[in-house]
Amino acid sequence: MPQDTHWVGTWTATPAPAEAAAFSNQTLRMIAHVSLGGSRLRVRLSNAYGTGKLAIGAVHIGLHAAGAGIVPGSDRVVTFGGEGSATIAAGSLLISDPVALDVPPLSNVAISVYLPGNIPVTFQITGRYARQTNYISPPGDFSASTAMPIGKITDDWYFVSGIDVAATAETGGVVALGDSLTDANISTPDLNCRWPDQLARRMQARPSGRPMGVMNQGLGGNRILHDLRGDSGLRRFDRDVLAQPGVTHVIICLGINDIRNRWGKPEEAVNAEGMIAGLKQMVLRAHMRGIKILGGTLLPFENETFFPGAYTQAGEAARQGVNAWIRESGAFDAVIDFEQGLRDPSHPTSMLPIYDCGDHLHPSDLGYHRMGDIVDLALFD
């Protein structure tokens, strides 16, 4: 690679154990909405939670057309150490060789992964809830097919954990580390309403400023202190933030699920002090690597209906205590005040109805866009 370029993540999917997934001699075609464009790419595959070796029969990448199709002439073979097939050890990551493909910014690419073996549910398949329509073939290798036959559709990404682009030396990368509010649960599928997607759109639209890749590491149900679907924020911080190619900034938006503790485990009850201690550790670990860390305040969730009873007065006090510390402590390099941008001024323990999807916990499509609009782009220059 030329000295004036480096790899930067343009898209990510947080590895987590998939729910009730199994494959046998099938091809997965997964659609990813990139932030930065580029002419040289790498694909990252993860077997982070697998209980054994994962055989990869073939991988292709191309520009997404519609449905399970790719733009004719855009298909590229993805190799690993010069080979078209590979094996990923349990708990490991596989990074591809560079691929020559002109990908516009804010476009969709299709990654096709042929799985030749039998992968049962007990394998602990690595995946993530996507709010994106992806495709699973009937039996066979259809990774090179322009129009892949569809056996069934899914709204998960499986095994693909990242796409990198070769970018100029000045290009940076921002990781959004969060829970379902960053993953954009309840948003409209296939419209890329996640707030990191809106941030990426704004980055591309500005006439000047440092180019930035945006990497969404949101994971539904994620907590700062305790594991749930996948690792806690503290446990996954090194893998999902510090290890990302080209990362220069991270935005943390975690804590609501620590407070809600709807899983009936009194030993996992938390208070504001414990959450703040966890956030302090993230700040220290980011600064040790020269990465700027921005603190996102926690959104109001009074009387949420997603899990009735999860909202309590004690939880609300903890949320306000954490938000006060984020705003006033000076621990973060900057504050992204999501709460102030979405709360109802006349009833600040609730979201404005226009930004509320209706469950009083997750934003609407407009609310997620609002979150992406709150971020001050000057922070990245």
Protein backbone atom coordinates (compact mmCIF):
# COMPACT_ATOMS: atom_id res chain seq x y z
CA MET A 1 0.00 0.00 0.00
CA PRO A 2 1.36 3.52 -0.79
CA GLN A 3 2.75 5.39 2.21
CA ASP A 4 0.16 8.17 1.90
CA THR A 5 -2.78 5.75 2.36
CA HIS A 6 -4.05 3.51 5.13
CA TRP A 7 -6.99 1.24 5.85
CA VAL A 8 -10.10 2.78 7.42
CA GLY A 9 -13.30 1.00 8.38
CA THR A 10 -16.24 2.11 6.24
CA TRP A 11 -18.82 -0.33 7.66
CA THR A 12 -19.00 -2.71 10.61
CA ALA A 13 -21.37 -5.21 12.21
CA THR A 14 -20.78 -6.05 15.85
CA PRO A 15 -20.13 -9.78 16.39
CA ALA A 16 -22.63 -11.42 18.71
CA PRO A 17 -24.18 -14.89 19.08
CA ALA A 18 -26.98 -15.23 16.54
CA GLU A 19 -30.34 -16.59 17.66
CA ALA A 20 -31.69 -19.86 16.18
CA ALA A 21 -29.57 -19.79 13.01
CA ALA A 22 -28.23 -22.82 11.13
CA PHE A 23 -26.83 -23.36 7.62
CA SER A 24 -25.90 -26.30 5.42
CA ASN A 25 -24.28 -25.95 1.97
CA GLN A 26 -25.79 -22.47 1.44
CA THR A 27 -24.76 -19.02 0.26
CA LEU A 28 -25.44 -15.89 2.30
CA ARG A 29 -25.77 -12.58 0.46
CA MET A 30 -25.58 -9.69 2.89
CA ILE A 31 -26.10 -6.03 2.07
CA ALA A 32 -23.91 -3.36 3.71
CA HIS A 33 -24.35 0.41 3.45
CA VAL A 34 -20.86 1.92 3.43
CA SER A 35 -19.88 5.37 4.66
CA LEU A 36 -16.60 6.14 2.83
CA GLY A 37 -16.14 5.16 -0.79
CA GLY A 38 -12.96 3.80 -2.30
CA SER A 39 -11.37 1.76 -5.06
CA ARG A 40 -9.62 -0.85 -2.88
CA LEU A 41 -11.47 -2.82 -0.21
CA ARG A 42 -10.95 -5.50 2.40
CA VAL A 43 -13.60 -7.73 3.94
CA ARG A 44 -13.47 -8.96 7.53
CA LEU A 45 -15.19 -12.19 8.62
CA SER A 46 -15.69 -13.19 12.25
CA ASN A 47 -16.13 -16.52 13.99
CA ALA A 48 -16.03 -14.77 17.37
CA TYR A 49 -18.59 -17.02 19.09
CA GLY A 50 -18.22 -20.22 17.07
CA THR A 51 -17.66 -23.45 18.97
CA GLY A 52 -15.41 -24.87 16.22
CA LYS A 53 -13.63 -24.10 12.97
CA LEU A 54 -15.70 -22.36 10.29
CA ALA A 55 -15.14 -23.44 6.67
CA ILE A 56 -15.53 -20.65 4.10
CA GLY A 57 -15.96 -22.06 0.59
CA ALA A 58 -16.00 -18.79 -1.36
CA VAL A 59 -16.54 -15.06 -0.85
CA HIS A 60 -17.52 -12.47 -3.46
CA ILE A 61 -18.29 -8.77 -3.25
CA GLY A 62 -20.15 -6.53 -5.70
CA LEU A 63 -22.29 -3.45 -5.93
CA HIS A 64 -25.83 -4.12 -4.78
CA ALA A 65 -28.55 -3.70 -7.40
CA ALA A 66 -31.94 -4.76 -6.00
CA GLY A 67 -33.16 -7.69 -3.97
CA ALA A 68 -30.54 -10.44 -4.02
CA GLY A 69 -28.96 -9.09 -7.22
CA ILE A 70 -25.69 -7.29 -7.89
CA VAL A 71 -24.80 -4.79 -10.60
CA PRO A 72 -23.61 -6.77 -13.66
CA GLY A 73 -19.86 -6.57 -14.09
CA SER A 74 -19.20 -5.55 -10.47
CA ASP A 75 -18.65 -9.03 -9.03
CA ARG A 76 -15.20 -9.57 -7.52
CA VAL A 77 -13.67 -12.68 -6.00
CA VAL A 78 -12.43 -12.15 -2.44
CA THR A 79 -9.29 -14.09 -1.52
CA PHE A 80 -7.46 -14.83 1.71
CA GLY A 81 -3.71 -15.18 1.36
CA GLY A 82 -4.29 -15.73 -2.36
CA GLU A 83 -6.78 -18.56 -1.81
CA GLY A 84 -10.50 -18.49 -2.58
CA SER A 85 -11.44 -20.62 0.43
CA ALA A 86 -10.39 -20.42 4.07
CA THR A 87 -10.99 -21.73 7.57
CA ILE A 88 -11.62 -19.44 10.53
CA ALA A 89 -10.60 -20.74 13.93
CA ALA A 90 -13.10 -20.60 16.78
CA GLY A 91 -13.14 -17.13 18.33
CA SER A 92 -11.04 -15.68 15.52
CA LEU A 93 -11.12 -13.07 12.75
CA LEU A 94 -10.24 -13.42 9.06
CA ILE A 95 -9.14 -10.42 6.94
CA SER A 96 -9.19 -10.65 3.16
CA ASP A 97 -6.64 -9.60 0.58
CA PRO A 98 -7.28 -6.20 -1.06
CA VAL A 99 -10.03 -6.19 -3.69
CA ALA A 100 -10.13 -3.71 -6.59
CA LEU A 101 -13.68 -2.35 -6.86
CA ASP A 102 -14.90 1.22 -7.25
CA VAL A 103 -17.45 1.75 -4.48
CA PRO A 104 -19.17 5.15 -4.21
CA PRO A 105 -19.66 6.66 -0.76
CA LEU A 106 -23.01 5.95 0.90
CA SER A 107 -23.69 3.05 -1.48
CA ASN A 108 -24.72 -0.54 -0.86
CA VAL A 109 -22.44 -3.48 -1.49
CA ALA A 110 -23.36 -7.16 -1.45
CA ILE A 111 -21.04 -9.66 0.26
CA SER A 112 -21.72 -13.28 -0.68
CA VAL A 113 -20.36 -16.03 1.56
CA TYR A 114 -20.62 -19.69 0.57
CA LEU A 115 -20.70 -22.08 3.53
CA PRO A 116 -19.98 -25.60 2.24
CA GLY A 117 -20.44 -27.46 5.50
CA ASN A 118 -23.19 -28.16 7.98
CA ILE A 119 -23.39 -25.45 10.66
CA PRO A 120 -25.95 -26.34 13.34
CA VAL A 121 -27.59 -24.01 15.84
CA THR A 122 -25.26 -25.38 18.52
CA PHE A 123 -22.28 -23.93 16.62
CA GLN A 124 -23.03 -20.46 18.10
CA ILE A 125 -23.14 -18.64 14.76
CA THR A 126 -21.82 -15.09 14.84
CA GLY A 127 -24.37 -12.53 13.66
CA ARG A 128 -26.13 -9.26 14.37
CA TYR A 129 -29.67 -7.92 13.99
CA ALA A 130 -29.53 -5.70 10.92
CA ARG A 131 -32.71 -3.74 10.06
CA GLN A 132 -31.58 -4.76 6.58
CA THR A 133 -33.00 -7.41 4.25
CA ASN A 134 -30.39 -10.08 3.56
CA TYR A 135 -30.65 -13.30 1.60
CA ILE A 136 -30.02 -17.01 2.11
CA SER A 137 -29.84 -19.31 -0.91
CA PRO A 138 -31.13 -22.83 -1.48
CA PRO A 139 -28.36 -25.46 -1.26
CA GLY A 140 -25.34 -24.63 -3.41
CA ASP A 141 -22.61 -22.10 -4.14
CA PHE A 142 -24.22 -19.02 -5.68
CA SER A 143 -21.57 -16.56 -4.51
CA ALA A 144 -20.70 -15.56 -8.11
CA SER A 145 -24.32 -15.30 -9.30
CA THR A 146 -25.49 -11.90 -10.50
CA ALA A 147 -29.04 -12.83 -9.46
CA MET A 148 -28.82 -15.25 -6.54
CA PRO A 149 -31.78 -17.57 -6.01
CA ILE A 150 -33.51 -16.92 -2.70
CA GLY A 151 -34.29 -19.72 -0.27
CA LYS A 152 -35.34 -17.33 2.47
CA ILE A 153 -34.69 -13.83 3.71
CA THR A 154 -33.32 -12.67 7.04
CA ASP A 155 -32.84 -9.41 8.91
CA ASP A 156 -29.48 -10.47 10.37
CA TRP A 157 -25.92 -10.13 9.17
CA TYR A 158 -23.92 -13.35 9.59
CA PHE A 159 -20.14 -13.70 9.89
CA VAL A 160 -19.28 -10.47 8.01
CA SER A 161 -17.99 -8.01 10.62
CA GLY A 162 -16.38 -5.23 8.62
CA ILE A 163 -15.43 -3.62 5.32
CA ASP A 164 -12.33 -1.41 5.05
CA VAL A 165 -11.28 0.99 2.30
CA ALA A 166 -7.84 2.29 1.36
CA ALA A 167 -8.06 6.00 2.18
CA THR A 168 -5.81 9.05 2.27
CA ALA A 169 -3.51 9.52 5.24
CA GLU A 170 -5.66 12.34 6.65
CA THR A 171 -8.80 10.17 6.72
CA GLY A 172 -10.03 9.25 10.18
CA GLY A 173 -12.64 6.91 11.54
CA VAL A 174 -15.34 7.26 14.18
CA VAL A 175 -16.79 4.25 15.99
CA ALA A 176 -20.31 4.49 17.44
CA LEU A 177 -20.38 2.14 20.44
CA GLY A 178 -23.88 1.60 21.72
CA ASP A 179 -26.96 -0.57 22.18
CA SER A 180 -30.23 -0.86 20.24
CA LEU A 181 -30.49 2.94 20.07
CA THR A 182 -27.32 2.91 17.95
CA ASP A 183 -28.34 -0.30 16.16
CA ALA A 184 -31.64 1.52 15.37
CA ASN A 185 -34.10 -1.05 16.64
CA ILE A 186 -37.72 -0.45 15.54
CA SER A 187 -36.55 1.71 12.60
CA THR A 188 -37.77 1.07 9.05
CA PRO A 189 -35.77 -1.75 7.42
CA ASP A 190 -33.52 -1.00 4.43
CA LEU A 191 -33.74 2.81 4.83
CA ASN A 192 -30.51 3.19 6.84
CA CYS A 193 -32.13 5.29 9.54
CA ARG A 194 -29.45 4.53 12.15
CA TRP A 195 -27.97 7.69 13.62
CA PRO A 196 -24.43 6.68 12.52
CA ASP A 197 -25.78 6.46 8.94
CA GLN A 198 -27.13 10.00 9.26
CA LEU A 199 -23.77 11.11 10.64
CA ALA A 200 -22.06 9.53 7.61
CA ARG A 201 -24.44 11.34 5.24
CA ARG A 202 -23.62 14.66 6.87
CA MET A 203 -19.89 13.91 6.68
CA GLN A 204 -20.16 13.30 2.96
CA ALA A 205 -22.36 16.36 2.33
CA ARG A 206 -20.09 18.96 3.95
CA PRO A 207 -17.98 20.92 1.43
CA SER A 208 -14.76 20.64 3.45
CA GLY A 209 -13.36 18.95 6.51
CA ARG A 210 -11.52 15.78 7.37
CA PRO A 211 -12.83 12.65 5.60
CA MET A 212 -14.19 10.16 8.15
CA GLY A 213 -15.33 6.57 8.02
CA VAL A 214 -18.26 5.76 10.32
CA MET A 215 -18.37 2.34 11.99
CA ASN A 216 -21.59 1.32 13.74
CA GLN A 217 -20.87 -0.97 16.69
CA GLY A 218 -24.38 -0.89 18.11
CA LEU A 219 -25.66 -4.09 19.71
CA GLY A 220 -29.22 -4.52 20.93
CA GLY A 221 -29.44 -5.06 24.69
CA ASN A 222 -25.80 -4.13 25.26
CA ARG A 223 -24.75 -2.87 28.69
CA ILE A 224 -21.66 -1.21 30.11
CA LEU A 225 -21.05 -3.62 32.96
CA HIS A 226 -22.69 -7.00 32.26
CA ASP A 227 -22.89 -9.36 29.30
CA LEU A 228 -26.16 -10.10 27.55
CA ARG A 229 -26.31 -10.76 23.79
CA GLY A 230 -22.57 -10.84 23.36
CA ASP A 231 -20.04 -9.13 25.55
CA SER A 232 -20.55 -6.08 27.74
CA GLY A 233 -19.31 -2.71 26.54
CA LEU A 234 -16.24 -2.99 28.75
CA ARG A 235 -15.39 -6.46 27.45
CA ARG A 236 -15.84 -5.64 23.77
CA PHE A 237 -14.23 -2.21 23.86
CA ASP A 238 -10.80 -3.41 22.70
CA ARG A 239 -12.19 -5.55 19.86
CA ASP A 240 -14.98 -3.26 18.65
CA VAL A 241 -13.28 0.11 19.14
CA LEU A 242 -9.52 0.02 19.62
CA ALA A 243 -8.91 -2.67 16.99
CA GLN A 244 -10.92 -0.96 14.24
CA PRO A 245 -8.82 0.15 11.25
CA GLY A 246 -8.16 3.88 11.14
CA VAL A 247 -10.16 4.74 14.27
CA THR A 248 -9.49 8.24 15.59
CA HIS A 249 -12.72 8.94 17.52
CA VAL A 250 -15.35 6.99 19.43
CA ILE A 251 -18.82 8.05 20.52
CA ILE A 252 -20.17 6.15 23.53
CA CYS A 253 -23.94 5.84 23.94
CA LEU A 254 -24.41 3.07 26.51
CA GLY A 255 -26.16 2.69 29.85
CA ILE A 256 -29.94 2.46 29.44
CA ASN A 257 -29.89 -1.34 29.57
CA ASP A 258 -27.74 -1.31 32.71
CA ILE A 259 -30.41 0.84 34.36
CA ARG A 260 -33.43 -1.12 33.11
CA ASN A 261 -32.14 -4.52 34.35
CA ARG A 262 -35.29 -6.23 33.07
CA TRP A 263 -33.68 -9.67 33.19
CA GLY A 264 -34.57 -10.43 36.79
CA LYS A 265 -31.00 -10.71 38.04
CA PRO A 266 -30.63 -8.74 41.27
CA GLU A 267 -26.89 -9.42 41.28
CA GLU A 268 -26.65 -7.31 38.12
CA ALA A 269 -28.36 -4.27 39.62
CA VAL A 270 -26.27 -1.14 39.07
CA ASN A 271 -26.12 2.43 40.29
CA ALA A 272 -24.81 5.60 38.70
CA GLU A 273 -21.44 5.25 40.43
CA GLY A 274 -20.82 1.80 38.96
CA MET A 275 -21.79 2.93 35.45
CA ILE A 276 -19.57 6.00 35.74
CA ALA A 277 -16.65 3.80 36.83
CA GLY A 278 -17.14 1.71 33.68
CA LEU A 279 -17.26 4.79 31.45
CA LYS A 280 -14.09 6.12 33.08
CA GLN A 281 -12.31 2.92 32.07
CA MET A 282 -13.39 3.40 28.47
CA VAL A 283 -12.06 6.95 28.54
CA LEU A 284 -8.71 5.78 29.89
CA ARG A 285 -8.40 2.98 27.34
CA ALA A 286 -9.24 5.27 24.43
CA HIS A 287 -6.78 7.94 25.57
CA MET A 288 -4.02 5.34 25.99
CA ARG A 289 -4.33 4.75 22.25
CA GLY A 290 -4.56 8.43 21.31
CA ILE A 291 -8.25 8.12 20.40
CA LYS A 292 -10.65 10.95 21.21
CA ILE A 293 -13.73 9.79 23.08
CA LEU A 294 -17.07 11.60 23.01
CA GLY A 295 -19.76 10.92 25.61
CA GLY A 296 -23.39 10.59 24.52
CA THR A 297 -26.06 11.36 27.13
CA LEU A 298 -28.75 8.76 27.81
CA LEU A 299 -32.21 9.31 26.33
CA PRO A 300 -35.32 9.54 28.54
CA PHE A 301 -37.51 6.44 28.70
CA GLU A 302 -40.31 7.18 31.15
CA ASN A 303 -43.07 4.54 31.12
CA GLU A 304 -41.52 2.55 28.28
CA THR A 305 -43.81 -0.13 26.82
CA PHE A 306 -41.08 -2.23 25.17
CA PHE A 307 -40.79 -4.05 28.52
CA PRO A 308 -43.43 -2.64 30.87
CA GLY A 309 -42.12 -2.14 34.36
CA ALA A 310 -38.50 -1.65 33.30
CA TYR A 311 -38.78 2.07 34.08
CA THR A 312 -38.43 2.92 37.78
CA GLN A 313 -37.82 6.08 39.78
CA ALA A 314 -34.51 4.66 41.00
CA GLY A 315 -33.48 3.99 37.41
CA GLU A 316 -34.44 7.49 36.38
CA ALA A 317 -32.30 8.91 39.17
CA ALA A 318 -29.37 6.81 37.97
CA ARG A 319 -29.87 8.02 34.39
CA GLN A 320 -29.88 11.64 35.47
CA GLY A 321 -26.79 11.05 37.63
CA VAL A 322 -24.87 9.52 34.72
CA ASN A 323 -25.95 12.31 32.36
CA ALA A 324 -24.87 14.96 34.85
CA TRP A 325 -21.45 13.34 35.11
CA ILE A 326 -21.09 13.07 31.32
CA ARG A 327 -21.91 16.76 30.93
CA GLU A 328 -19.98 18.17 33.88
CA SER A 329 -16.99 15.95 34.67
CA GLY A 330 -14.78 16.91 31.73
CA ALA A 331 -13.73 13.26 31.39
CA PHE A 332 -14.76 13.09 27.73
CA ASP A 333 -13.13 15.09 24.96
CA ALA A 334 -16.61 16.36 24.08
CA VAL A 335 -20.24 15.71 24.93
CA ILE A 336 -22.96 14.70 22.44
CA ASP A 337 -26.15 15.70 24.22
CA PHE A 338 -28.62 13.26 22.70
CA GLU A 339 -31.01 13.70 25.63
CA GLN A 340 -31.28 17.45 25.24
CA GLY A 341 -31.93 17.05 21.52
CA LEU A 342 -34.78 14.54 21.84
CA ARG A 343 -36.43 15.16 25.22
CA ASP A 344 -39.74 16.92 25.64
CA PRO A 345 -38.96 20.35 27.16
CA SER A 346 -42.29 20.35 28.97
CA HIS A 347 -41.71 16.82 30.34
CA PRO A 348 -37.98 16.10 30.18
CA THR A 349 -38.22 12.50 31.44
CA SER A 350 -39.90 11.63 28.12
CA MET A 351 -38.99 11.94 24.46
CA LEU A 352 -40.83 14.38 22.27
CA PRO A 353 -43.62 12.35 20.59
CA ILE A 354 -42.32 13.23 17.12
CA TYR A 355 -39.01 11.53 17.99
CA ASP A 356 -40.58 8.54 19.80
CA CYS A 357 -41.31 5.32 17.86
CA GLY A 358 -44.21 4.76 20.27
CA ASP A 359 -42.62 2.48 22.86
CA HIS A 360 -41.11 5.46 24.78
CA LEU A 361 -37.67 3.82 24.63
CA HIS A 362 -36.54 3.71 21.01
CA PRO A 363 -36.58 6.75 18.74
CA SER A 364 -38.60 6.88 15.53
CA ASP A 365 -36.88 7.14 12.14
CA LEU A 366 -37.01 10.91 12.59
CA GLY A 367 -35.60 10.57 16.09
CA TYR A 368 -32.63 8.54 14.87
CA HIS A 369 -31.97 11.14 12.19
CA ARG A 370 -32.16 13.81 14.86
CA MET A 371 -29.50 11.98 16.87
CA GLY A 372 -27.18 11.99 13.86
CA ASP A 373 -27.86 15.70 13.31
CA ILE A 374 -26.90 16.59 16.89
CA VAL A 375 -23.26 15.56 16.46
CA ASP A 376 -21.01 18.59 15.84
CA LEU A 377 -18.92 17.76 12.77
CA ALA A 378 -16.23 20.23 13.84
CA LEU A 379 -15.28 17.77 16.58
CA PHE A 380 -13.61 15.57 13.98
CA ASP A 381 -11.38 18.27 12.50
